[in-house]
Amino acid sequence: MPPWCNAVTVRVVQQVFPADDGVTTVDPIDLFHRDVRQTDGTRPWILMNMISSADGATAVDGVSNGLSGDADRSLLGTLRGLADVILVGASTVRAENYRAPRTPEDRVGVLRATSGRPPRPRLAVVSASLSLDPTAMIFSPVDPADPPPLIYTASGAPGKESQALARVAEVVEAGVGDRVNINLVMADLTNRGVGVVLVEGGPSLNHQVVAAGLVDEFNLTVSPLLAGGKSKRILAGPALEMPASLKLERVLSDDGFLFCRYLID
């Protein structure tokens, strides 16, 4: 998902499910911040958020921006306001030209402050090869006091790249050889006291998190477009041993977009 959406003001939207007396109007900031997100304490709550076209495409011309709109960017800003850490794969960082998380919209910022969270979530990137440009925008903090991004890599990562990135990020080994172990990533975030992780893709990282049985909440934005093409699905990887069962908890609608909140059943 595009990283520049926090500055967009969230609008009042329609709740189409559940709705006892027809369609109701809701404030998504209050709605999402009232949701209970609590685990047994052994790991953070994992919230995954993705967008797809009505025919299942996750990108247009290689990026998700072609599927997005003001309504989607507004809701993503609200979801980012819930997170302690935003977790994303390196390929998505490069494709979407990610930057450091911005300060949330005013009301979201107040809710973060009253819940004891720092002004902005911290960015964490999964990169086994460390193929990241140290001069990229993700390494330019909004405030000098912000902690640098976390980069989770594996033991086989090139030493030269690790040294270069260590100047602008906190590089953490969380895997052997050429593969990052997502369970080790979550263990490290747990040790850091992280309560809510927002996973923003891409599809390969999504598959790892789902396959490990770590997702608690899945938010899917359905864009009112038919895109065609050969875009990857939301999960990219081998078939899961057991499909994850989802329970539809809520559907919102704004400007033709559907915002579906699922909980893992």
Protein backbone atom coordinates (compact mmCIF):
# COMPACT_ATOMS: atom_id res chain seq x y z
CA MET A 1 0.00 0.00 0.00
CA PRO A 2 1.23 3.53 -0.65
CA PRO A 3 3.15 5.07 2.25
CA TRP A 4 2.03 8.65 1.91
CA CYS A 5 -1.57 8.35 3.00
CA ASN A 6 -1.39 9.49 6.64
CA ALA A 7 -1.95 13.15 5.85
CA VAL A 8 -5.40 12.59 4.28
CA THR A 9 -8.35 13.50 6.50
CA VAL A 10 -10.65 10.57 7.24
CA ARG A 11 -14.26 11.03 6.19
CA VAL A 12 -17.52 9.73 7.54
CA VAL A 13 -18.35 6.45 5.76
CA GLN A 14 -21.26 4.06 5.43
CA GLN A 15 -21.41 0.82 7.40
CA VAL A 16 -23.23 -1.72 5.26
CA PHE A 17 -22.56 -4.74 7.48
CA PRO A 18 -23.65 -5.29 10.14
CA ALA A 19 -26.56 -2.85 9.85
CA ASP A 20 -29.77 -3.70 11.69
CA ASP A 21 -31.83 -0.86 10.22
CA GLY A 22 -30.30 -0.39 6.79
CA VAL A 23 -27.12 1.51 6.00
CA THR A 24 -25.66 3.53 8.88
CA THR A 25 -23.13 6.35 8.87
CA VAL A 26 -20.03 5.95 11.05
CA ASP A 27 -16.78 7.71 11.90
CA PRO A 28 -14.02 5.22 10.99
CA ILE A 29 -11.49 6.77 13.38
CA ASP A 30 -13.70 6.10 16.40
CA LEU A 31 -14.81 2.75 14.99
CA PHE A 32 -11.34 1.28 14.39
CA HIS A 33 -9.91 2.65 17.62
CA ARG A 34 -12.70 1.02 19.63
CA ASP A 35 -11.90 -2.42 18.24
CA VAL A 36 -10.22 -4.71 20.76
CA ARG A 37 -6.78 -5.88 19.65
CA GLN A 38 -5.26 -8.05 22.34
CA THR A 39 -3.36 -11.33 22.22
CA ASP A 40 -2.27 -13.69 24.99
CA GLY A 41 0.87 -11.60 25.48
CA THR A 42 3.25 -13.98 23.71
CA ARG A 43 3.29 -11.91 20.49
CA PRO A 44 1.85 -8.73 19.02
CA TRP A 45 -1.57 -8.44 17.39
CA ILE A 46 -0.98 -8.85 13.64
CA LEU A 47 -3.18 -6.70 11.44
CA MET A 48 -2.80 -7.20 7.68
CA ASN A 49 -4.09 -4.58 5.24
CA MET A 50 -4.23 -4.93 1.46
CA ILE A 51 -6.08 -3.56 -1.55
CA SER A 52 -7.24 -5.43 -4.64
CA SER A 53 -9.37 -4.69 -7.66
CA ALA A 54 -12.77 -6.35 -7.97
CA ASP A 55 -11.10 -9.02 -10.13
CA GLY A 56 -8.29 -9.67 -7.64
CA ALA A 57 -5.38 -7.57 -8.95
CA THR A 58 -3.13 -6.12 -6.24
CA ALA A 59 -1.35 -3.62 -8.49
CA VAL A 60 -1.65 -1.65 -11.71
CA ASP A 61 1.63 -1.19 -13.60
CA GLY A 62 3.43 -2.76 -10.64
CA VAL A 63 2.14 -0.46 -7.89
CA SER A 64 -0.99 -0.33 -5.75
CA ASN A 65 -1.52 3.40 -6.26
CA GLY A 66 -3.51 2.75 -9.43
CA LEU A 67 -6.12 0.91 -7.36
CA SER A 68 -6.31 3.49 -4.58
CA GLY A 69 -8.23 6.71 -4.03
CA ASP A 70 -8.92 9.30 -1.34
CA ALA A 71 -11.27 6.97 0.53
CA ASP A 72 -8.70 4.16 0.66
CA ARG A 73 -5.84 6.46 1.61
CA SER A 74 -7.93 7.95 4.39
CA LEU A 75 -8.73 4.58 5.91
CA LEU A 76 -5.13 3.41 5.63
CA GLY A 77 -4.08 6.51 7.55
CA THR A 78 -6.47 5.46 10.32
CA LEU A 79 -5.11 1.91 10.36
CA ARG A 80 -1.53 3.17 10.51
CA GLY A 81 -2.53 5.21 13.53
CA LEU A 82 -3.33 1.95 15.34
CA ALA A 83 0.09 0.41 14.76
CA ASP A 84 3.26 0.39 16.79
CA VAL A 85 5.19 -1.05 13.83
CA ILE A 86 4.48 -1.17 10.08
CA LEU A 87 6.01 -4.33 8.58
CA VAL A 88 6.69 -4.48 4.84
CA GLY A 89 8.81 -6.46 2.40
CA ALA A 90 11.81 -4.91 0.66
CA SER A 91 10.38 -5.42 -2.84
CA THR A 92 7.31 -3.42 -1.86
CA VAL A 93 9.49 -0.69 -0.36
CA ARG A 94 11.31 -0.37 -3.67
CA ALA A 95 8.25 -0.61 -5.92
CA GLU A 96 6.10 1.80 -3.92
CA ASN A 97 8.93 4.21 -3.07
CA TYR A 98 8.18 3.99 0.65
CA ARG A 99 9.08 6.78 3.00
CA ALA A 100 9.22 7.04 6.79
CA PRO A 101 5.72 7.01 8.36
CA ARG A 102 4.32 10.51 8.65
CA THR A 103 2.52 12.09 11.59
CA PRO A 104 -1.10 10.84 11.63
CA GLU A 105 -4.13 13.05 11.11
CA ASP A 106 -4.80 15.22 14.19
CA ARG A 107 -7.51 13.10 15.85
CA VAL A 108 -5.56 9.89 15.23
CA GLY A 109 -2.49 11.55 16.69
CA VAL A 110 -4.41 12.47 19.84
CA LEU A 111 -5.64 8.89 20.22
CA ARG A 112 -2.06 7.63 19.82
CA ALA A 113 -0.85 10.00 22.51
CA THR A 114 -3.61 9.08 24.97
CA SER A 115 -2.82 5.38 24.49
CA GLY A 116 0.87 5.96 25.26
CA ARG A 117 2.16 5.38 21.72
CA PRO A 118 4.90 7.49 20.11
CA PRO A 119 3.76 10.09 17.54
CA ARG A 120 4.46 7.79 14.57
CA PRO A 121 4.71 4.03 14.08
CA ARG A 122 8.14 2.57 13.41
CA LEU A 123 8.85 1.02 10.02
CA ALA A 124 10.25 -2.52 9.80
CA VAL A 125 11.46 -4.03 6.52
CA VAL A 126 12.04 -7.70 5.72
CA SER A 127 15.03 -8.11 3.38
CA ALA A 128 17.09 -11.29 3.19
CA SER A 129 19.47 -9.79 0.60
CA LEU A 130 19.59 -6.23 2.03
CA SER A 131 19.02 -4.84 -1.47
CA LEU A 132 18.01 -1.41 -0.21
CA ASP A 133 19.39 2.02 -1.05
CA PRO A 134 20.72 3.73 2.12
CA THR A 135 19.70 7.09 0.61
CA ALA A 136 16.05 6.04 0.07
CA MET A 137 13.26 8.07 1.65
CA ILE A 138 12.47 5.41 4.24
CA PHE A 139 15.71 6.38 5.98
CA SER A 140 14.78 10.08 6.27
CA PRO A 141 12.91 10.41 9.59
CA VAL A 142 10.09 12.88 10.09
CA ASP A 143 11.79 13.94 13.32
CA PRO A 144 15.46 13.39 14.29
CA ALA A 145 14.21 11.82 17.52
CA ASP A 146 12.39 9.04 15.65
CA PRO A 147 14.05 5.61 15.89
CA PRO A 148 15.55 4.36 12.62
CA PRO A 149 13.77 1.66 10.62
CA LEU A 150 14.27 -1.95 11.60
CA ILE A 151 15.61 -4.19 8.84
CA TYR A 152 15.20 -7.92 9.39
CA THR A 153 17.63 -10.01 7.39
CA ALA A 154 19.24 -13.46 7.34
CA SER A 155 22.72 -14.72 8.16
CA GLY A 156 23.66 -14.99 4.50
CA ALA A 157 23.14 -11.28 3.78
CA PRO A 158 26.17 -9.55 2.20
CA GLY A 159 28.40 -7.90 4.81
CA LYS A 160 29.02 -4.79 2.70
CA GLU A 161 25.31 -4.02 2.40
CA SER A 162 24.79 -4.71 6.10
CA GLN A 163 27.49 -2.21 7.07
CA ALA A 164 26.07 0.45 4.76
CA LEU A 165 22.52 0.05 6.04
CA ALA A 166 23.62 -0.10 9.68
CA ARG A 167 24.43 3.62 9.37
CA VAL A 168 20.77 4.50 8.70
CA ALA A 169 18.81 1.59 10.20
CA GLU A 170 18.88 -1.05 12.91
CA VAL A 171 19.78 -4.29 11.14
CA VAL A 172 18.58 -7.45 12.92
CA GLU A 173 19.50 -11.01 11.94
CA ALA A 174 16.34 -13.12 12.00
CA GLY A 175 17.02 -16.12 9.82
CA VAL A 176 19.61 -18.54 8.49
CA GLY A 177 21.07 -18.54 4.99
CA ASP A 178 18.98 -16.61 2.49
CA ARG A 179 15.60 -16.66 4.23
CA VAL A 180 14.16 -14.49 7.00
CA ASN A 181 12.20 -16.45 9.62
CA ILE A 182 8.99 -14.52 10.27
CA ASN A 183 8.60 -16.19 13.69
CA LEU A 184 11.96 -14.76 14.74
CA VAL A 185 10.85 -11.34 13.49
CA MET A 186 7.73 -11.48 15.66
CA ALA A 187 9.74 -12.73 18.63
CA ASP A 188 12.05 -9.73 18.33
CA LEU A 189 9.11 -7.31 18.07
CA THR A 190 7.55 -8.94 21.13
CA ASN A 191 10.76 -8.43 23.09
CA ARG A 192 10.63 -4.76 22.11
CA GLY A 193 7.17 -4.42 23.65
CA VAL A 194 5.34 -3.99 20.34
CA GLY A 195 1.59 -4.43 20.74
CA VAL A 196 0.19 -4.02 17.20
CA VAL A 197 1.94 -4.78 13.90
CA LEU A 198 0.42 -3.60 10.61
CA VAL A 199 1.54 -5.82 7.71
CA GLU A 200 1.35 -3.97 4.38
CA GLY A 201 2.74 -6.64 2.04
CA GLY A 202 3.81 -7.49 -0.47
CA PRO A 203 2.24 -10.81 -1.37
CA SER A 204 5.31 -12.92 -0.52
CA LEU A 205 5.56 -11.47 2.98
CA ASN A 206 1.80 -11.84 3.41
CA HIS A 207 2.09 -15.53 2.54
CA GLN A 208 4.83 -16.07 5.12
CA VAL A 209 2.83 -14.40 7.88
CA VAL A 210 -0.38 -16.28 7.07
CA ALA A 211 1.42 -19.62 6.64
CA ALA A 212 2.98 -19.17 10.08
CA GLY A 213 -0.50 -18.72 11.58
CA LEU A 214 0.29 -15.23 12.85
CA VAL A 215 -2.50 -13.08 11.40
CA ASP A 216 -5.26 -11.96 13.77
CA GLU A 217 -7.05 -9.43 11.59
CA PHE A 218 -7.26 -8.96 7.83
CA ASN A 219 -8.49 -5.69 6.33
CA LEU A 220 -9.22 -5.88 2.61
CA THR A 221 -10.07 -2.88 0.49
CA VAL A 222 -11.94 -3.82 -2.71
CA SER A 223 -11.34 -1.15 -5.34
CA PRO A 224 -14.17 -0.47 -7.81
CA LEU A 225 -12.00 -1.40 -10.78
CA LEU A 226 -11.45 -4.33 -13.12
CA ALA A 227 -7.72 -4.41 -13.80
CA GLY A 228 -6.95 -7.67 -15.62
CA GLY A 229 -3.28 -8.36 -16.21
CA LYS A 230 -1.01 -10.76 -14.35
CA SER A 231 -0.77 -9.02 -10.99
CA LYS A 232 0.10 -11.19 -8.01
CA ARG A 233 -2.64 -12.21 -5.63
CA ILE A 234 -2.74 -10.99 -2.03
CA LEU A 235 -0.77 -14.11 -1.03
CA ALA A 236 2.07 -15.26 -3.31
CA GLY A 237 3.46 -18.69 -2.50
CA PRO A 238 2.60 -22.38 -2.40
CA ALA A 239 -0.85 -23.53 -1.38
CA LEU A 240 -1.38 -23.34 2.37
CA GLU A 241 -1.53 -26.66 4.20
CA MET A 242 -4.80 -25.50 5.68
CA PRO A 243 -6.65 -22.46 4.29
CA ALA A 244 -7.07 -19.73 6.90
CA SER A 245 -10.72 -19.36 7.84
CA LEU A 246 -11.97 -15.78 8.03
CA LYS A 247 -14.94 -14.36 9.91
CA LEU A 248 -16.42 -11.23 8.33
CA GLU A 249 -16.75 -8.71 11.13
CA ARG A 250 -17.57 -5.47 9.30
CA VAL A 251 -18.00 -3.90 5.85
CA LEU A 252 -17.72 -0.16 5.23
CA SER A 253 -18.28 1.68 1.97
CA ASP A 254 -17.09 5.03 0.64
CA ASP A 255 -16.78 6.38 -2.91
CA GLY A 256 -17.36 2.93 -4.41
CA PHE A 257 -14.69 1.21 -2.29
CA LEU A 258 -15.55 -1.63 0.08
CA PHE A 259 -13.57 -1.97 3.30
CA CYS A 260 -13.88 -5.47 4.73
CA ARG A 261 -12.61 -6.29 8.20
CA TYR A 262 -12.09 -10.00 8.85
CA LEU A 263 -10.95 -11.76 12.00
CA ILE A 264 -9.19 -15.11 11.83
CA ASP A 265 -11.81 -17.65 12.86
